[in-house]
C-alpha atoms as a PDB file:
ATOM      1  CA  MET A   1       0.000   0.000   0.000  1.00  0.00           C
ATOM      2  CA  THR A   2       1.258   3.490  -0.816  1.00  0.00           C
ATOM      3  CA  ASP A   3       2.533   5.501   2.124  1.00  0.00           C
ATOM      4  CA  LYS A   4       0.865   8.848   1.442  1.00  0.00           C
ATOM      5  CA  SER A   5       3.129  10.617   3.911  1.00  0.00           C
ATOM      6  CA  LEU A   6       6.241  10.531   1.750  1.00  0.00           C
ATOM      7  CA  ILE A   7       7.832   9.926  -1.643  1.00  0.00           C
ATOM      8  CA  THR A   8      10.762   7.514  -1.482  1.00  0.00           C
ATOM      9  CA  ALA A   9      13.434   7.754  -4.187  1.00  0.00           C
ATOM     10  CA  ILE A  10      15.648   4.682  -4.482  1.00  0.00           C
ATOM     11  CA  PHE A  11      19.267   4.998  -5.573  1.00  0.00           C
ATOM     12  CA  HIS A  12      19.986   3.137  -8.799  1.00  0.00           C
ATOM     13  CA  GLN A  13      23.114   3.802 -10.795  1.00  0.00           C
ATOM     14  CA  SER A  14      22.129   3.331 -14.419  1.00  0.00           C
ATOM     15  CA  SER A  15      23.055   5.243 -17.542  1.00  0.00           C
ATOM     16  CA  GLU A  16      19.978   3.999 -19.397  1.00  0.00           C
ATOM     17  CA  LEU A  17      16.456   5.242 -18.732  1.00  0.00           C
ATOM     18  CA  THR A  18      13.425   3.252 -19.809  1.00  0.00           C
ATOM     19  CA  VAL A  19       9.634   3.422 -19.595  1.00  0.00           C
ATOM     20  CA  ASP A  20       9.562  -0.348 -19.034  1.00  0.00           C
ATOM     21  CA  PHE A  21       8.606  -0.282 -15.362  1.00  0.00           C
ATOM     22  CA  ASN A  22       9.055  -4.057 -15.093  1.00  0.00           C
ATOM     23  CA  SER A  23      12.769  -3.661 -15.818  1.00  0.00           C
ATOM     24  CA  SER A  24      15.479  -3.999 -13.174  1.00  0.00           C
ATOM     25  CA  VAL A  25      16.008  -0.226 -13.330  1.00  0.00           C
ATOM     26  CA  TRP A  26      12.603   0.382 -11.737  1.00  0.00           C
ATOM     27  CA  ARG A  27      11.879  -2.862  -9.895  1.00  0.00           C
ATOM     28  CA  GLU A  28      12.975  -1.730  -6.427  1.00  0.00           C
ATOM     29  CA  ALA A  29      11.277   1.674  -6.536  1.00  0.00           C
ATOM     30  CA  PRO A  30       8.140   1.792  -4.347  1.00  0.00           C
ATOM     31  CA  LEU A  31       4.878   2.139  -6.257  1.00  0.00           C
ATOM     32  CA  LEU A  32       3.165   5.438  -5.489  1.00  0.00           C
ATOM     33  CA  SER A  33      -0.565   5.509  -6.187  1.00  0.00           C
ATOM     34  CA  ILE A  34      -1.946   8.869  -7.344  1.00  0.00           C
ATOM     35  CA  ASP A  35      -5.546   7.915  -6.636  1.00  0.00           C
ATOM     36  CA  ARG A  36      -7.108  11.108  -5.282  1.00  0.00           C
ATOM     37  CA  LEU A  37      -8.371  14.289  -6.844  1.00  0.00           C
ATOM     38  CA  TRP A  38      -6.928  17.602  -5.692  1.00  0.00           C
ATOM     39  CA  ASN A  39      -9.831  17.985  -3.218  1.00  0.00           C
ATOM     40  CA  GLY A  40      -9.289  14.589  -1.573  1.00  0.00           C
ATOM     41  CA  GLU A  41     -12.109  12.769  -3.338  1.00  0.00           C
ATOM     42  CA  PRO A  42     -11.283   9.407  -4.980  1.00  0.00           C
ATOM     43  CA  ALA A  43     -10.008   9.751  -8.537  1.00  0.00           C
ATOM     44  CA  PRO A  44     -11.927   7.937 -11.305  1.00  0.00           C
ATOM     45  CA  THR A  45     -10.783   4.329 -11.573  1.00  0.00           C
ATOM     46  CA  GLU A  46     -10.513   4.755 -15.351  1.00  0.00           C
ATOM     47  CA  LEU A  47      -7.574   7.110 -14.694  1.00  0.00           C
ATOM     48  CA  LYS A  48      -5.445   4.735 -12.641  1.00  0.00           C
ATOM     49  CA  THR A  49      -2.116   6.499 -12.122  1.00  0.00           C
ATOM     50  CA  THR A  50       1.064   5.275 -10.478  1.00  0.00           C
ATOM     51  CA  ALA A  51       4.465   6.829 -10.042  1.00  0.00           C
ATOM     52  CA  ARG A  52       7.962   5.729  -9.041  1.00  0.00           C
ATOM     53  CA  ALA A  53      11.042   7.698  -8.013  1.00  0.00           C
ATOM     54  CA  LEU A  54      14.743   6.966  -8.481  1.00  0.00           C
ATOM     55  CA  TRP A  55      17.944   8.929  -8.117  1.00  0.00           C
ATOM     56  CA  ASP A  56      21.536   8.499  -9.237  1.00  0.00           C
ATOM     57  CA  ASP A  57      24.664  10.587  -8.835  1.00  0.00           C
ATOM     58  CA  CYS A  58      23.352  13.267 -11.179  1.00  0.00           C
ATOM     59  CA  HIS A  59      19.544  13.071 -11.457  1.00  0.00           C
ATOM     60  CA  LEU A  60      16.219  12.839  -9.677  1.00  0.00           C
ATOM     61  CA  ILE A  61      14.027  10.609 -11.839  1.00  0.00           C
ATOM     62  CA  PHE A  62      10.262  10.127 -11.866  1.00  0.00           C
ATOM     63  CA  GLY A  63       8.308   7.547 -13.842  1.00  0.00           C
ATOM     64  CA  PHE A  64       4.537   7.716 -14.342  1.00  0.00           C
ATOM     65  CA  GLU A  65       2.120   5.094 -15.693  1.00  0.00           C
ATOM     66  CA  CYS A  66      -1.312   6.429 -16.631  1.00  0.00           C
ATOM     67  CA  ASN A  67      -4.452   4.649 -17.798  1.00  0.00           C
ATOM     68  CA  TYR A  68      -6.634   6.730 -20.097  1.00  0.00           C
ATOM     69  CA  THR A  69      -9.893   6.675 -22.028  1.00  0.00           C
ATOM     70  CA  GLU A  70      -9.195   9.770 -24.136  1.00  0.00           C
ATOM     71  CA  LEU A  71      -6.047  11.710 -24.965  1.00  0.00           C
ATOM     72  CA  ASP A  72      -5.625  15.474 -25.009  1.00  0.00           C
ATOM     73  CA  ILE A  73      -2.250  15.997 -26.710  1.00  0.00           C
ATOM     74  CA  ASP A  74      -0.554  18.032 -29.410  1.00  0.00           C
ATOM     75  CA  THR A  75      -0.402  16.345 -32.795  1.00  0.00           C
ATOM     76  CA  GLU A  76       2.524  18.454 -34.000  1.00  0.00           C
ATOM     77  CA  TYR A  77       5.463  19.190 -31.730  1.00  0.00           C
ATOM     78  CA  ASP A  78       9.218  19.153 -31.237  1.00  0.00           C
ATOM     79  CA  VAL A  79      10.384  17.656 -27.930  1.00  0.00           C
ATOM     80  CA  ALA A  80      13.509  19.803 -28.162  1.00  0.00           C
ATOM     81  CA  ASP A  81      11.370  22.875 -27.491  1.00  0.00           C
ATOM     82  CA  GLU A  82       9.638  23.712 -24.239  1.00  0.00           C
ATOM     83  CA  ARG A  83       5.863  23.556 -24.500  1.00  0.00           C
ATOM     84  CA  HIS A  84       4.442  26.459 -22.481  1.00  0.00           C
ATOM     85  CA  ALA A  85       1.085  25.903 -20.743  1.00  0.00           C
ATOM     86  CA  LEU A  86       1.521  22.147 -20.982  1.00  0.00           C
ATOM     87  CA  TRP A  87      -0.896  21.880 -18.060  1.00  0.00           C
ATOM     88  CA  ASP A  88      -3.725  22.698 -20.474  1.00  0.00           C
ATOM     89  CA  LEU A  89      -3.257  19.188 -21.951  1.00  0.00           C
ATOM     90  CA  ASP A  90      -2.679  15.708 -20.500  1.00  0.00           C
ATOM     91  CA  VAL A  91       0.368  15.908 -18.267  1.00  0.00           C
ATOM     92  CA  CYS A  92       2.146  14.560 -15.191  1.00  0.00           C
ATOM     93  CA  GLU A  93       3.863  16.997 -12.872  1.00  0.00           C
ATOM     94  CA  ALA A  94       6.403  17.049 -10.051  1.00  0.00           C
ATOM     95  CA  PHE A  95       6.829  20.034  -7.749  1.00  0.00           C
ATOM     96  CA  ILE A  96      10.129  19.801  -5.833  1.00  0.00           C
ATOM     97  CA  ARG A  97      11.604  21.971  -3.094  1.00  0.00           C
ATOM     98  CA  ALA A  98      15.283  21.396  -2.342  1.00  0.00           C
ATOM     99  CA  PRO A  99      16.690  22.433   1.063  1.00  0.00           C
ATOM    100  CA  ASN A 100      18.535  25.440  -0.352  1.00  0.00           C
ATOM    101  CA  GLU A 101      15.393  27.275  -1.500  1.00  0.00           C
ATOM    102  CA  PRO A 102      14.926  30.685   0.187  1.00  0.00           C
ATOM    103  CA  HIS A 103      11.544  29.777   1.713  1.00  0.00           C
ATOM    104  CA  GLU A 104       8.946  27.005   1.680  1.00  0.00           C
ATOM    105  CA  LYS A 105       6.853  28.562  -1.093  1.00  0.00           C
ATOM    106  CA  HIS A 106       9.820  28.694  -3.476  1.00  0.00           C
ATOM    107  CA  TYR A 107      10.157  25.505  -5.535  1.00  0.00           C
ATOM    108  CA  ARG A 108      10.642  24.057  -9.005  1.00  0.00           C
ATOM    109  CA  GLU A 109       7.935  22.682 -11.297  1.00  0.00           C
ATOM    110  CA  PHE A 110       8.511  19.959 -13.887  1.00  0.00           C
ATOM    111  CA  GLU A 111       5.966  18.593 -16.363  1.00  0.00           C
ATOM    112  CA  VAL A 112       5.919  15.861 -18.996  1.00  0.00           C
ATOM    113  CA  ALA A 113       3.177  14.970 -21.484  1.00  0.00           C
ATOM    114  CA  PRO A 114       2.360  11.598 -23.083  1.00  0.00           C
ATOM    115  CA  THR A 115       4.235  12.870 -26.142  1.00  0.00           C
ATOM    116  CA  GLY A 116       7.427  13.566 -24.171  1.00  0.00           C
ATOM    117  CA  GLN A 117       6.881  17.315 -24.380  1.00  0.00           C
ATOM    118  CA  TRP A 118       8.051  19.135 -21.291  1.00  0.00           C
ATOM    119  CA  CYS A 119       7.804  22.319 -19.291  1.00  0.00           C
ATOM    120  CA  ASP A 120       9.868  23.594 -16.340  1.00  0.00           C
ATOM    121  CA  LEU A 121       9.825  26.730 -14.231  1.00  0.00           C
ATOM    122  CA  ILE A 122      10.787  28.201 -10.868  1.00  0.00           C
ATOM    123  CA  VAL A 123       7.796  29.175  -8.739  1.00  0.00           C
ATOM    124  CA  ASP A 124       7.663  31.751  -5.939  1.00  0.00           C
ATOM    125  CA  ARG A 125       4.154  31.654  -4.511  1.00  0.00           C
ATOM    126  CA  ALA A 126       5.009  34.164  -1.799  1.00  0.00           C
ATOM    127  CA  LEU A 127       5.456  36.803  -4.504  1.00  0.00           C
ATOM    128  CA  MET A 128       3.055  35.084  -6.960  1.00  0.00           C
ATOM    129  CA  LYS A 129       5.829  35.005  -9.560  1.00  0.00           C
ATOM    130  CA  ALA A 130       7.351  32.404 -11.865  1.00  0.00           C
ATOM    131  CA  ASP A 131      10.560  32.276 -13.880  1.00  0.00           C
ATOM    132  CA  TRP A 132       9.460  31.053 -17.297  1.00  0.00           C
ATOM    133  CA  GLN A 133      12.881  31.497 -18.907  1.00  0.00           C
ATOM    134  CA  TRP A 134      14.655  29.123 -16.521  1.00  0.00           C
ATOM    135  CA  ARG A 135      15.807  25.797 -17.975  1.00  0.00           C
ATOM    136  CA  SER A 136      16.468  22.762 -15.837  1.00  0.00           C
ATOM    137  CA  GLY A 137      18.057  20.552 -18.486  1.00  0.00           C
ATOM    138  CA  MET A 138      15.487  17.815 -17.786  1.00  0.00           C
ATOM    139  CA  ARG A 139      15.196  14.848 -20.161  1.00  0.00           C
ATOM    140  CA  THR A 140      12.034  12.919 -20.957  1.00  0.00           C
ATOM    141  CA  ILE A 141      10.996   9.579 -22.412  1.00  0.00           C
ATOM    142  CA  ALA A 142       7.406   8.771 -23.373  1.00  0.00           C
ATOM    143  CA  ARG A 143       5.376   5.960 -24.885  1.00  0.00           C
ATOM    144  CA  ILE A 144       1.638   5.674 -25.632  1.00  0.00           C
ATOM    145  CA  ASP A 145       0.228   2.145 -25.760  1.00  0.00           C
ATOM    146  CA  GLU A 146      -3.032   2.492 -27.695  1.00  0.00           C
ATOM    147  CA  THR A 147      -3.868  -1.197 -27.205  1.00  0.00           C
ATOM    148  CA  GLU A 148      -3.601  -1.165 -23.417  1.00  0.00           C
ATOM    149  CA  LYS A 149      -4.819   2.447 -23.196  1.00  0.00           C
ATOM    150  CA  ILE A 150      -1.829   3.377 -21.043  1.00  0.00           C
ATOM    151  CA  TRP A 151       0.776   6.084 -21.441  1.00  0.00           C
ATOM    152  CA  ARG A 152       4.115   5.937 -19.683  1.00  0.00           C
ATOM    153  CA  VAL A 153       6.587   8.761 -19.178  1.00  0.00           C
ATOM    154  CA  VAL A 154       9.885   9.367 -17.426  1.00  0.00           C
ATOM    155  CA  MET A 155      11.452  12.682 -16.455  1.00  0.00           C
ATOM    156  CA  ALA A 156      15.114  12.878 -15.417  1.00  0.00           C
ATOM    157  CA  ILE A 157      15.950  16.146 -13.654  1.00  0.00           C
ATOM    158  CA  PRO A 158      19.634  16.989 -13.153  1.00  0.00           C
ATOM    159  CA  PHE A 159      20.607  18.022  -9.633  1.00  0.00           C
ATOM    160  CA  SER A 160      22.332  21.015 -11.200  1.00  0.00           C
ATOM    161  CA  ALA A 161      18.794  22.385 -11.663  1.00  0.00           C
ATOM    162  CA  PHE A 162      18.484  22.601  -7.881  1.00  0.00           C
ATOM    163  CA  GLY A 163      21.981  23.842  -7.149  1.00  0.00           C
ATOM    164  CA  CYS A 164      22.592  20.982  -4.714  1.00  0.00           C
ATOM    165  CA  THR A 165      22.943  17.206  -4.668  1.00  0.00           C
ATOM    166  CA  PRO A 166      21.424  14.963  -1.991  1.00  0.00           C
ATOM    167  CA  ALA A 167      23.123  12.213  -0.038  1.00  0.00           C
ATOM    168  CA  ALA A 168      21.476   8.983   1.076  1.00  0.00           C
ATOM    169  CA  GLY A 169      19.188   9.731   3.985  1.00  0.00           C
ATOM    170  CA  ASP A 170      18.499  13.333   2.968  1.00  0.00           C
ATOM    171  CA  THR A 171      14.953  14.675   2.744  1.00  0.00           C
ATOM    172  CA  TRP A 172      13.585  17.221   0.286  1.00  0.00           C
ATOM    173  CA  TYR A 173       9.890  18.086  -0.202  1.00  0.00           C
ATOM    174  CA  GLY A 174       7.440  17.893  -3.081  1.00  0.00           C
ATOM    175  CA  ASN A 175       4.233  16.593  -4.605  1.00  0.00           C
ATOM    176  CA  LEU A 176       3.125  14.680  -7.711  1.00  0.00           C
ATOM    177  CA  PHE A 177       0.157  15.362  -9.968  1.00  0.00           C
ATOM    178  CA  ARG A 178      -1.666  14.305 -13.107  1.00  0.00           C
ATOM    179  CA  ILE A 179      -4.091  16.234 -15.320  1.00  0.00           C
ATOM    180  CA  SER A 180      -6.313  14.316 -17.744  1.00  0.00           C
ATOM    181  CA  ARG A 181      -9.785  14.178 -19.234  1.00  0.00           C
ATOM    182  CA  LEU A 182     -12.665  11.795 -18.639  1.00  0.00           C
ATOM    183  CA  GLY A 183     -15.897  12.226 -20.571  1.00  0.00           C
ATOM    184  CA  GLY A 184     -14.549  15.537 -21.802  1.00  0.00           C
ATOM    185  CA  GLU A 185     -14.161  16.896 -18.255  1.00  0.00           C
ATOM    186  CA  ARG A 186     -10.790  17.944 -16.846  1.00  0.00           C
ATOM    187  CA  GLN A 187      -9.590  15.791 -13.947  1.00  0.00           C
ATOM    188  CA  TYR A 188      -6.940  16.974 -11.473  1.00  0.00           C
ATOM    189  CA  LEU A 189      -5.201  14.171  -9.578  1.00  0.00           C
ATOM    190  CA  ALA A 190      -2.760  14.646  -6.695  1.00  0.00           C
ATOM    191  CA  PHE A 191      -0.543  12.345  -4.653  1.00  0.00           C
ATOM    192  CA  SER A 192      -1.036  14.623  -1.647  1.00  0.00           C
ATOM    193  CA  PRO A 193      -4.381  16.377  -2.208  1.00  0.00           C
ATOM    194  CA  THR A 194      -4.126  20.150  -1.911  1.00  0.00           C
ATOM    195  CA  LEU A 195      -7.669  20.439  -0.479  1.00  0.00           C
ATOM    196  CA  THR A 196      -8.478  23.753  -2.149  1.00  0.00           C
ATOM    197  CA  GLU A 197     -11.970  24.796  -3.175  1.00  0.00           C
ATOM    198  CA  LEU A 198     -11.008  24.999  -6.853  1.00  0.00           C
ATOM    199  CA  PRO A 199      -8.261  22.932  -8.541  1.00  0.00           C
ATOM    200  CA  ASN A 200      -4.917  24.362  -7.430  1.00  0.00           C
ATOM    201  CA  TYR A 201      -1.656  22.445  -7.170  1.00  0.00           C
ATOM    202  CA  HIS A 202       0.379  25.353  -5.802  1.00  0.00           C
ATOM    203  CA  VAL A 203      -0.054  24.601  -2.109  1.00  0.00           C
ATOM    204  CA  ALA A 204       3.399  24.114  -0.608  1.00  0.00           C
ATOM    205  CA  GLU A 205       1.871  23.317   2.775  1.00  0.00           C
ATOM    206  CA  ARG A 206       0.664  20.020   1.284  1.00  0.00           C
ATOM    207  CA  PHE A 207       4.112  18.934   0.078  1.00  0.00           C
ATOM    208  CA  VAL A 208       5.348  15.659   1.538  1.00  0.00           C
ATOM    209  CA  PRO A 209       8.918  14.526   2.267  1.00  0.00           C
ATOM    210  CA  VAL A 210      10.953  13.221  -0.679  1.00  0.00           C
ATOM    211  CA  ARG A 211      13.384  10.812   0.983  1.00  0.00           C
ATOM    212  CA  PHE A 212      16.554   9.650  -0.763  1.00  0.00           C
ATOM    213  CA  GLU A 213      17.398   6.014   0.039  1.00  0.00           C
END
């Protein structure tokens, strides 16, 4: 059963990333179930979503596996270019706050779509500002399985994006999300529900520990 109080990232030294979550690269990473909407209500079962977290000497790595009934994606794109407002389409997101951030409402946002398109920014909710020009250097891998109706994505975020590198036993903070559609309606899933009246992921008080093991 998923421990909703934390996100555990398992150390695995591998130069090869894959969206095959049955591979040895991912096998030891705990399965994190993103099964709630932002408001704490159960997410639709048709949108089963799981995540895993790894780290190596240079990267924090998240893998997401998402069931779907309909896809909301770009049909023309270049994964070399950042896709602004990616959250308007199907996407998985990770908000991460490293220990060197100036305050608890200052963190970094990373997004990846079923197509492998990406978006990254620095968020300061205390000042209600975001740095849209910032680039993390994140890499993505994506695959859509139209037979199984599942899309799988991986985002590898270099620790240089945070300006610090963790050691085993360290704790950072963050949250994981998914945005999708069901019956044409937007669905906002959260690992740690933000419990706002309207959908809003930018609630640093609802971040959970990200523990490096």
